[in-house]
Amino acid sequence: MAEPITKISHSAHTEKELQEQSIDTILEDLAKSADGIKELIKLFHQLHDSGILGAVNGLVEAKEKVAGIAVEQLLRPQMTNAINNMMAAAGVLSETNPDMTKKLMGSLGNGLQRAERALANNEKVGVFDLMKALKDPDINRAIGFGMNLLKGVGEGLKE
């Protein structure tokens, strides 16, 4: 009968053997990714030649100063107001029908073009022109839209 195993011996790798294994693994990975590495080196050369790499390195080295300046700028009342206004505008836009917004923007662009032409021609508008304009269906539609818009704004301001 065989004798039971009482001692397990582990083969200890030397530091040099571990380093060689790591280097071999890295070389295998490099060989598998040669095209990507070449592209990455090309990108670094382009970033270096354009000065962007130096600027990014400078930013990273001065990260605490840059972060301090950024935080200081963000804490200015004007910036916090701008951020709050953008968030409020985004909230309103998210509740608005996108088709209506698109239609309104297109109509606004069309109206600005007509207004620019009239301004360039130096057209005068009299009282009778205003009365006649009220009968125009397009103008009447715009006035009705504007009146309802003003009514909604007024109701919102009351709250």
N, C-alpha and C. Protein backbone atom coordinates (compact mmCIF):
# COMPACT_ATOMS: atom_id res chain seq x y z
N MET A 1 0.82 -1.18 0.00
CA MET A 1 0.00 0.00 0.00
C MET A 1 0.86 1.25 0.00
N ALA A 2 0.36 2.28 -0.69
CA ALA A 2 1.12 3.52 -0.78
C ALA A 2 0.95 4.34 0.49
N GLU A 3 1.91 5.17 0.72
CA GLU A 3 1.87 6.01 1.91
C GLU A 3 1.06 7.26 1.63
N PRO A 4 0.29 7.72 2.59
CA PRO A 4 -0.50 8.94 2.37
C PRO A 4 0.40 10.17 2.21
N ILE A 5 -0.10 11.12 1.41
CA ILE A 5 0.63 12.37 1.19
C ILE A 5 0.42 13.26 2.40
N THR A 6 1.48 13.63 3.00
CA THR A 6 1.38 14.47 4.19
C THR A 6 1.92 15.87 3.95
N LYS A 7 2.68 16.02 2.89
CA LYS A 7 3.28 17.32 2.64
C LYS A 7 3.04 17.69 1.17
N ILE A 8 2.48 18.89 0.97
CA ILE A 8 2.25 19.37 -0.39
C ILE A 8 3.28 20.45 -0.66
N SER A 9 4.00 20.25 -1.73
CA SER A 9 5.03 21.25 -2.04
C SER A 9 4.54 22.12 -3.20
N HIS A 10 4.65 23.40 -3.00
CA HIS A 10 4.28 24.38 -4.02
C HIS A 10 5.55 24.84 -4.70
N SER A 11 5.46 24.89 -6.01
CA SER A 11 6.65 25.40 -6.71
C SER A 11 6.60 26.91 -6.65
N ALA A 12 7.54 27.49 -6.02
CA ALA A 12 7.59 28.94 -5.85
C ALA A 12 8.28 29.55 -7.05
N HIS A 13 7.59 30.53 -7.64
CA HIS A 13 8.17 31.23 -8.78
C HIS A 13 8.99 32.40 -8.26
N THR A 14 10.10 32.58 -8.90
CA THR A 14 10.93 33.71 -8.50
C THR A 14 10.34 35.00 -9.06
N GLU A 15 10.81 36.09 -8.54
CA GLU A 15 10.34 37.41 -8.99
C GLU A 15 10.63 37.59 -10.48
N LYS A 16 11.76 37.10 -10.92
CA LYS A 16 12.15 37.23 -12.33
C LYS A 16 11.21 36.41 -13.22
N GLU A 17 10.84 35.21 -12.77
CA GLU A 17 9.92 34.38 -13.55
C GLU A 17 8.55 35.04 -13.66
N LEU A 18 8.08 35.63 -12.57
CA LEU A 18 6.78 36.34 -12.60
C LEU A 18 6.82 37.52 -13.56
N GLN A 19 7.92 38.25 -13.56
CA GLN A 19 8.07 39.38 -14.48
C GLN A 19 8.08 38.90 -15.92
N GLU A 20 8.79 37.82 -16.19
CA GLU A 20 8.85 37.29 -17.56
C GLU A 20 7.47 36.83 -18.01
N GLN A 21 6.71 36.20 -17.11
CA GLN A 21 5.34 35.79 -17.45
C GLN A 21 4.49 37.01 -17.78
N SER A 22 4.61 38.05 -16.98
CA SER A 22 3.84 39.28 -17.22
C SER A 22 4.22 39.89 -18.56
N ILE A 23 5.51 39.92 -18.85
CA ILE A 23 5.97 40.50 -20.12
C ILE A 23 5.47 39.67 -21.29
N ASP A 24 5.51 38.35 -21.17
CA ASP A 24 5.00 37.48 -22.23
C ASP A 24 3.51 37.72 -22.48
N THR A 25 2.75 37.85 -21.40
CA THR A 25 1.32 38.11 -21.51
C THR A 25 1.06 39.45 -22.21
N ILE A 26 1.83 40.45 -21.83
CA ILE A 26 1.67 41.78 -22.44
C ILE A 26 2.03 41.73 -23.92
N LEU A 27 3.11 41.03 -24.26
CA LEU A 27 3.51 40.93 -25.67
C LEU A 27 2.44 40.21 -26.50
N GLU A 28 1.82 39.17 -25.93
CA GLU A 28 0.74 38.48 -26.63
C GLU A 28 -0.43 39.43 -26.88
N ASP A 29 -0.80 40.20 -25.85
CA ASP A 29 -1.89 41.15 -25.98
C ASP A 29 -1.56 42.22 -27.03
N LEU A 30 -0.31 42.69 -27.04
CA LEU A 30 0.11 43.68 -28.04
C LEU A 30 0.01 43.11 -29.45
N ALA A 31 0.44 41.87 -29.61
CA ALA A 31 0.39 41.23 -30.93
C ALA A 31 -1.05 41.09 -31.42
N LYS A 32 -1.97 40.79 -30.49
CA LYS A 32 -3.38 40.63 -30.87
C LYS A 32 -4.02 41.97 -31.23
N SER A 33 -3.54 43.06 -30.65
CA SER A 33 -4.15 44.38 -30.84
C SER A 33 -3.25 45.34 -31.60
N ALA A 34 -2.43 44.83 -32.48
CA ALA A 34 -1.43 45.67 -33.16
C ALA A 34 -2.06 46.83 -33.91
N ASP A 35 -3.14 46.58 -34.66
CA ASP A 35 -3.77 47.65 -35.45
C ASP A 35 -4.33 48.75 -34.56
N GLY A 36 -5.00 48.36 -33.49
CA GLY A 36 -5.56 49.35 -32.57
C GLY A 36 -4.48 50.17 -31.89
N ILE A 37 -3.38 49.53 -31.54
CA ILE A 37 -2.28 50.24 -30.88
C ILE A 37 -1.63 51.23 -31.85
N LYS A 38 -1.49 50.81 -33.11
CA LYS A 38 -0.95 51.73 -34.12
C LYS A 38 -1.85 52.95 -34.27
N GLU A 39 -3.15 52.74 -34.28
CA GLU A 39 -4.09 53.86 -34.37
C GLU A 39 -3.99 54.76 -33.15
N LEU A 40 -3.84 54.16 -31.98
CA LEU A 40 -3.71 54.93 -30.74
C LEU A 40 -2.44 55.78 -30.75
N ILE A 41 -1.36 55.20 -31.23
CA ILE A 41 -0.09 55.95 -31.32
C ILE A 41 -0.25 57.10 -32.31
N LYS A 42 -0.92 56.84 -33.42
CA LYS A 42 -1.16 57.90 -34.42
C LYS A 42 -1.99 59.03 -33.80
N LEU A 43 -3.01 58.66 -33.02
CA LEU A 43 -3.83 59.66 -32.35
C LEU A 43 -3.00 60.50 -31.38
N PHE A 44 -2.15 59.84 -30.60
CA PHE A 44 -1.30 60.58 -29.66
C PHE A 44 -0.36 61.53 -30.39
N HIS A 45 0.17 61.10 -31.53
CA HIS A 45 1.04 61.99 -32.31
C HIS A 45 0.26 63.22 -32.77
N GLN A 46 -0.95 63.00 -33.26
CA GLN A 46 -1.77 64.12 -33.73
C GLN A 46 -2.12 65.06 -32.58
N LEU A 47 -2.47 64.50 -31.43
CA LEU A 47 -2.78 65.33 -30.27
C LEU A 47 -1.55 66.11 -29.82
N HIS A 48 -0.40 65.48 -29.87
CA HIS A 48 0.84 66.14 -29.48
C HIS A 48 1.18 67.26 -30.47
N ASP A 49 1.09 66.97 -31.76
CA ASP A 49 1.43 67.96 -32.79
C ASP A 49 0.51 69.17 -32.75
N SER A 50 -0.75 68.94 -32.42
CA SER A 50 -1.70 70.05 -32.37
C SER A 50 -1.63 70.83 -31.06
N GLY A 51 -0.92 70.30 -30.07
CA GLY A 51 -0.79 70.99 -28.79
C GLY A 51 -1.88 70.62 -27.80
N ILE A 52 -2.84 69.82 -28.23
CA ILE A 52 -3.95 69.44 -27.35
C ILE A 52 -3.45 68.56 -26.21
N LEU A 53 -2.53 67.65 -26.52
CA LEU A 53 -2.02 66.74 -25.49
C LEU A 53 -1.32 67.53 -24.38
N GLY A 54 -0.56 68.53 -24.75
CA GLY A 54 0.11 69.37 -23.75
C GLY A 54 -0.89 70.12 -22.90
N ALA A 55 -1.95 70.63 -23.55
CA ALA A 55 -2.97 71.35 -22.81
C ALA A 55 -3.69 70.43 -21.83
N VAL A 56 -4.00 69.23 -22.27
CA VAL A 56 -4.68 68.27 -21.39
C VAL A 56 -3.77 67.89 -20.22
N ASN A 57 -2.49 67.67 -20.51
CA ASN A 57 -1.54 67.37 -19.43
C ASN A 57 -1.47 68.52 -18.44
N GLY A 58 -1.46 69.76 -18.95
CA GLY A 58 -1.44 70.92 -18.07
C GLY A 58 -2.67 70.99 -17.20
N LEU A 59 -3.83 70.68 -17.79
CA LEU A 59 -5.07 70.68 -17.00
C LEU A 59 -5.04 69.62 -15.91
N VAL A 60 -4.53 68.45 -16.25
CA VAL A 60 -4.47 67.37 -15.26
C VAL A 60 -3.51 67.74 -14.13
N GLU A 61 -2.37 68.34 -14.50
CA GLU A 61 -1.40 68.72 -13.48
C GLU A 61 -1.95 69.82 -12.56
N ALA A 62 -2.77 70.69 -13.13
CA ALA A 62 -3.32 71.80 -12.35
C ALA A 62 -4.77 71.53 -11.96
N LYS A 63 -5.11 70.27 -11.78
CA LYS A 63 -6.52 69.89 -11.57
C LYS A 63 -7.16 70.58 -10.38
N GLU A 64 -6.42 70.77 -9.30
CA GLU A 64 -7.01 71.40 -8.13
C GLU A 64 -7.34 72.87 -8.40
N LYS A 65 -6.42 73.56 -9.07
CA LYS A 65 -6.67 74.96 -9.40
C LYS A 65 -7.82 75.09 -10.37
N VAL A 66 -7.83 74.21 -11.40
CA VAL A 66 -8.89 74.26 -12.41
C VAL A 66 -10.24 73.95 -11.77
N ALA A 67 -10.28 72.94 -10.91
CA ALA A 67 -11.52 72.59 -10.22
C ALA A 67 -11.99 73.75 -9.34
N GLY A 68 -11.06 74.40 -8.67
CA GLY A 68 -11.41 75.55 -7.82
C GLY A 68 -12.01 76.68 -8.64
N ILE A 69 -11.40 76.97 -9.79
CA ILE A 69 -11.93 78.03 -10.66
C ILE A 69 -13.31 77.66 -11.18
N ALA A 70 -13.47 76.39 -11.60
CA ALA A 70 -14.76 75.95 -12.13
C ALA A 70 -15.86 76.06 -11.07
N VAL A 71 -15.55 75.62 -9.86
CA VAL A 71 -16.55 75.69 -8.78
C VAL A 71 -16.86 77.15 -8.46
N GLU A 72 -15.84 77.99 -8.44
CA GLU A 72 -16.04 79.41 -8.16
C GLU A 72 -16.95 80.05 -9.21
N GLN A 73 -16.74 79.69 -10.48
CA GLN A 73 -17.57 80.24 -11.55
C GLN A 73 -19.01 79.72 -11.46
N LEU A 74 -19.16 78.44 -11.12
CA LEU A 74 -20.50 77.87 -11.02
C LEU A 74 -21.29 78.44 -9.85
N LEU A 75 -20.61 78.92 -8.82
CA LEU A 75 -21.29 79.45 -7.65
C LEU A 75 -21.68 80.92 -7.80
N ARG A 76 -21.26 81.54 -8.89
CA ARG A 76 -21.66 82.94 -9.12
C ARG A 76 -23.17 83.00 -9.29
N PRO A 77 -23.81 84.03 -8.75
CA PRO A 77 -25.27 84.12 -8.86
C PRO A 77 -25.77 84.09 -10.31
N GLN A 78 -25.03 84.72 -11.23
CA GLN A 78 -25.46 84.71 -12.63
C GLN A 78 -25.48 83.29 -13.19
N MET A 79 -24.48 82.49 -12.81
CA MET A 79 -24.41 81.13 -13.33
C MET A 79 -25.51 80.26 -12.72
N THR A 80 -25.75 80.41 -11.42
CA THR A 80 -26.82 79.61 -10.82
C THR A 80 -28.18 80.03 -11.38
N ASN A 81 -28.36 81.32 -11.67
CA ASN A 81 -29.59 81.76 -12.31
C ASN A 81 -29.73 81.15 -13.70
N ALA A 82 -28.63 81.13 -14.46
CA ALA A 82 -28.68 80.55 -15.81
C ALA A 82 -29.01 79.07 -15.75
N ILE A 83 -28.41 78.35 -14.81
CA ILE A 83 -28.69 76.92 -14.68
C ILE A 83 -30.15 76.70 -14.29
N ASN A 84 -30.64 77.48 -13.34
CA ASN A 84 -32.05 77.35 -12.93
C ASN A 84 -32.99 77.68 -14.08
N ASN A 85 -32.66 78.72 -14.87
CA ASN A 85 -33.50 79.08 -16.02
C ASN A 85 -33.51 77.98 -17.07
N MET A 86 -32.34 77.37 -17.32
CA MET A 86 -32.29 76.28 -18.30
C MET A 86 -33.11 75.08 -17.83
N MET A 87 -33.03 74.80 -16.54
CA MET A 87 -33.81 73.67 -16.01
C MET A 87 -35.31 73.96 -16.09
N ALA A 88 -35.71 75.19 -15.81
CA ALA A 88 -37.12 75.55 -15.91
C ALA A 88 -37.59 75.49 -17.36
N ALA A 89 -36.76 75.99 -18.29
CA ALA A 89 -37.12 75.94 -19.71
C ALA A 89 -37.22 74.50 -20.18
N ALA A 90 -36.30 73.66 -19.73
CA ALA A 90 -36.35 72.25 -20.12
C ALA A 90 -37.61 71.59 -19.58
N GLY A 91 -38.01 71.96 -18.37
CA GLY A 91 -39.24 71.41 -17.80
C GLY A 91 -40.47 71.82 -18.60
N VAL A 92 -40.51 73.08 -19.02
CA VAL A 92 -41.65 73.55 -19.82
C VAL A 92 -41.65 72.86 -21.18
N LEU A 93 -40.48 72.75 -21.80
CA LEU A 93 -40.41 72.11 -23.11
C LEU A 93 -40.77 70.64 -23.05
N SER A 94 -40.46 69.99 -21.93
CA SER A 94 -40.79 68.57 -21.83
C SER A 94 -42.29 68.35 -21.70
N GLU A 95 -43.02 69.37 -21.24
CA GLU A 95 -44.47 69.26 -21.10
C GLU A 95 -45.20 69.72 -22.36
N THR A 96 -44.49 70.35 -23.29
CA THR A 96 -45.10 70.92 -24.48
C THR A 96 -45.11 69.90 -25.61
N ASN A 97 -46.18 69.91 -26.39
CA ASN A 97 -46.31 69.02 -27.54
C ASN A 97 -45.24 69.39 -28.57
N PRO A 98 -44.36 68.46 -28.94
CA PRO A 98 -43.28 68.76 -29.87
C PRO A 98 -43.78 69.23 -31.24
N ASP A 99 -44.90 68.69 -31.69
CA ASP A 99 -45.44 69.11 -32.99
C ASP A 99 -45.84 70.58 -32.95
N MET A 100 -46.44 71.01 -31.84
CA MET A 100 -46.84 72.41 -31.71
C MET A 100 -45.62 73.31 -31.64
N THR A 101 -44.58 72.87 -30.93
CA THR A 101 -43.35 73.66 -30.83
C THR A 101 -42.72 73.81 -32.21
N LYS A 102 -42.68 72.73 -32.97
CA LYS A 102 -42.12 72.76 -34.32
C LYS A 102 -42.92 73.71 -35.21
N LYS A 103 -44.24 73.62 -35.13
CA LYS A 103 -45.12 74.48 -35.93
C LYS A 103 -44.92 75.95 -35.55
N LEU A 104 -44.83 76.22 -34.25
CA LEU A 104 -44.66 77.59 -33.78
C LEU A 104 -43.31 78.15 -34.23
N MET A 105 -42.25 77.35 -34.14
CA MET A 105 -40.93 77.81 -34.56
C MET A 105 -40.89 78.10 -36.06
N GLY A 106 -41.52 77.23 -36.85
CA GLY A 106 -41.60 77.45 -38.30
C GLY A 106 -42.38 78.71 -38.61
N SER A 107 -43.49 78.91 -37.91
CA SER A 107 -44.31 80.11 -38.12
C SER A 107 -43.56 81.36 -37.71
N LEU A 108 -42.82 81.27 -36.63
CA LEU A 108 -42.04 82.41 -36.17
C LEU A 108 -40.98 82.79 -37.19
N GLY A 109 -40.32 81.79 -37.76
CA GLY A 109 -39.33 82.06 -38.80
C GLY A 109 -39.96 82.72 -40.01
N ASN A 110 -41.11 82.22 -40.43
CA ASN A 110 -41.83 82.80 -41.57
C ASN A 110 -42.24 84.24 -41.26
N GLY A 111 -42.74 84.47 -40.06
CA GLY A 111 -43.14 85.83 -39.67
C GLY A 111 -41.96 86.79 -39.63
N LEU A 112 -40.82 86.33 -39.16
CA LEU A 112 -39.63 87.17 -39.12
C LEU A 112 -39.17 87.55 -40.53
N GLN A 113 -39.28 86.62 -41.47
CA GLN A 113 -38.90 86.93 -42.85
C GLN A 113 -39.82 88.00 -43.44
N ARG A 114 -41.13 87.86 -43.22
CA ARG A 114 -42.08 88.85 -43.74
C ARG A 114 -41.85 90.21 -43.09
N ALA A 115 -41.60 90.20 -41.77
CA ALA A 115 -41.38 91.45 -41.06
C ALA A 115 -40.10 92.14 -41.56
N GLU A 116 -39.09 91.35 -41.86
CA GLU A 116 -37.83 91.91 -42.37
C GLU A 116 -38.04 92.55 -43.75
N ARG A 117 -38.82 91.89 -44.60
CA ARG A 117 -39.12 92.46 -45.92
C ARG A 117 -39.89 93.77 -45.79
N ALA A 118 -40.88 93.78 -44.90
CA ALA A 118 -41.68 95.00 -44.70
C ALA A 118 -40.82 96.13 -44.15
N LEU A 119 -39.91 95.79 -43.27
CA LEU A 119 -39.02 96.79 -42.69
C LEU A 119 -38.07 97.35 -43.75
N ALA A 120 -37.58 96.46 -44.61
CA ALA A 120 -36.67 96.90 -45.68
C ALA A 120 -37.40 97.81 -46.67
N ASN A 121 -38.70 97.55 -46.92
CA ASN A 121 -39.49 98.36 -47.86
C ASN A 121 -40.03 99.63 -47.20
N ASN A 122 -39.81 99.75 -45.89
CA ASN A 122 -40.26 100.91 -45.13
C ASN A 122 -41.77 101.13 -45.27
N GLU A 123 -42.52 100.02 -45.15
CA GLU A 123 -43.97 100.09 -45.31
C GLU A 123 -44.60 100.80 -44.12
N LYS A 124 -45.52 101.69 -44.39
CA LYS A 124 -46.25 102.41 -43.35
C LYS A 124 -47.58 101.68 -43.10
N VAL A 125 -48.00 101.68 -41.84
CA VAL A 125 -49.27 101.04 -41.47
C VAL A 125 -50.16 102.10 -40.85
N GLY A 126 -51.35 102.22 -41.43
CA GLY A 126 -52.31 103.19 -40.91
C GLY A 126 -53.42 102.49 -40.15
N VAL A 127 -54.34 103.29 -39.61
CA VAL A 127 -55.45 102.76 -38.82
C VAL A 127 -56.34 101.88 -39.70
N PHE A 128 -56.62 102.32 -40.92
CA PHE A 128 -57.47 101.52 -41.80
C PHE A 128 -56.78 100.21 -42.20
N ASP A 129 -55.44 100.24 -42.30
CA ASP A 129 -54.69 99.00 -42.59
C ASP A 129 -54.87 98.00 -41.45
N LEU A 130 -54.90 98.50 -40.21
CA LEU A 130 -55.11 97.62 -39.06
C LEU A 130 -56.51 97.00 -39.08
N MET A 131 -57.52 97.81 -39.41
CA MET A 131 -58.90 97.29 -39.47
C MET A 131 -59.04 96.26 -40.58
N LYS A 132 -58.41 96.53 -41.70
CA LYS A 132 -58.46 95.61 -42.82
C LYS A 132 -57.71 94.32 -42.48
N ALA A 133 -56.62 94.45 -41.74
CA ALA A 133 -55.81 93.29 -41.37
C ALA A 133 -56.58 92.33 -40.46
N LEU A 134 -57.47 92.86 -39.63
CA LEU A 134 -58.25 91.99 -38.74
C LEU A 134 -59.14 91.03 -39.52
N LYS A 135 -59.48 91.37 -40.75
CA LYS A 135 -60.31 90.48 -41.57
C LYS A 135 -59.47 89.40 -42.26
N ASP A 136 -58.16 89.58 -42.29
CA ASP A 136 -57.27 88.58 -42.88
C ASP A 136 -57.24 87.35 -41.97
N PRO A 137 -57.59 86.15 -42.48
CA PRO A 137 -57.65 84.96 -41.62
C PRO A 137 -56.31 84.61 -40.94
N ASP A 138 -55.20 84.85 -41.63
CA ASP A 138 -53.90 84.53 -41.05
C ASP A 138 -53.59 85.46 -39.88
N ILE A 139 -53.86 86.74 -40.06
CA ILE A 139 -53.61 87.71 -38.99
C ILE A 139 -54.56 87.46 -37.84
N ASN A 140 -55.83 87.16 -38.16
CA ASN A 140 -56.82 86.89 -37.12
C ASN A 140 -56.41 85.66 -36.32
N ARG A 141 -55.91 84.64 -36.99
CA ARG A 141 -55.46 83.42 -36.31
C ARG A 141 -54.30 83.75 -35.37
N ALA A 142 -53.34 84.56 -35.84
CA ALA A 142 -52.18 84.92 -35.03
C ALA A 142 -52.60 85.78 -33.84
N ILE A 143 -53.52 86.70 -34.04
CA ILE A 143 -53.99 87.54 -32.94
C ILE A 143 -54.73 86.70 -31.91
N GLY A 144 -55.57 85.77 -32.37
CA GLY A 144 -56.26 84.87 -31.44
C GLY A 144 -55.28 84.02 -30.66
N PHE A 145 -54.26 83.52 -31.35
CA PHE A 145 -53.23 82.73 -30.68
C PHE A 145 -52.52 83.58 -29.64
N GLY A 146 -52.15 84.79 -30.02
CA GLY A 146 -51.45 85.70 -29.10
C GLY A 146 -52.30 86.07 -27.90
N MET A 147 -53.58 86.31 -28.13
CA MET A 147 -54.47 86.66 -27.01
C MET A 147 -54.58 85.49 -26.03
N ASN A 148 -54.73 84.27 -26.57
CA ASN A 148 -54.82 83.10 -25.69
C ASN A 148 -53.49 82.83 -24.99
N LEU A 149 -52.40 83.10 -25.68
CA LEU A 149 -51.09 82.97 -25.06
C LEU A 149 -50.96 83.95 -23.89
N LEU A 150 -51.37 85.19 -24.12
CA LEU A 150 -51.32 86.21 -23.07
C LEU A 150 -52.24 85.84 -21.92
N LYS A 151 -53.41 85.28 -22.23
CA LYS A 151 -54.35 84.86 -21.19
C LYS A 151 -53.69 83.77 -20.32
N GLY A 152 -53.04 82.79 -20.95
CA GLY A 152 -52.37 81.73 -20.21
C GLY A 152 -51.23 82.26 -19.36
N VAL A 153 -50.47 83.21 -19.90
CA VAL A 153 -49.37 83.80 -19.14
C VAL A 153 -49.93 84.54 -17.94
N GLY A 154 -50.99 85.28 -18.15
CA GLY A 154 -51.61 86.02 -17.05
C GLY A 154 -52.13 85.10 -15.96
N GLU A 155 -52.74 83.98 -16.38
CA GLU A 155 -53.22 83.01 -15.38
C GLU A 155 -52.05 82.41 -14.59
N GLY A 156 -50.96 82.15 -15.31
CA GLY A 156 -49.77 81.59 -14.65
C GLY A 156 -49.16 82.58 -13.68
N LEU A 157 -49.19 83.86 -14.02
CA LEU A 157 -48.61 84.87 -13.15
C LEU A 157 -49.44 85.11 -11.91
N LYS A 158 -50.71 84.78 -11.97
CA LYS A 158 -51.60 84.99 -10.84
C LYS A 158 -51.26 84.02 -9.69
N GLU A 159 -50.73 82.85 -10.04
CA GLU A 159 -50.44 81.81 -9.03
C GLU A 159 -49.28 82.20 -8.16
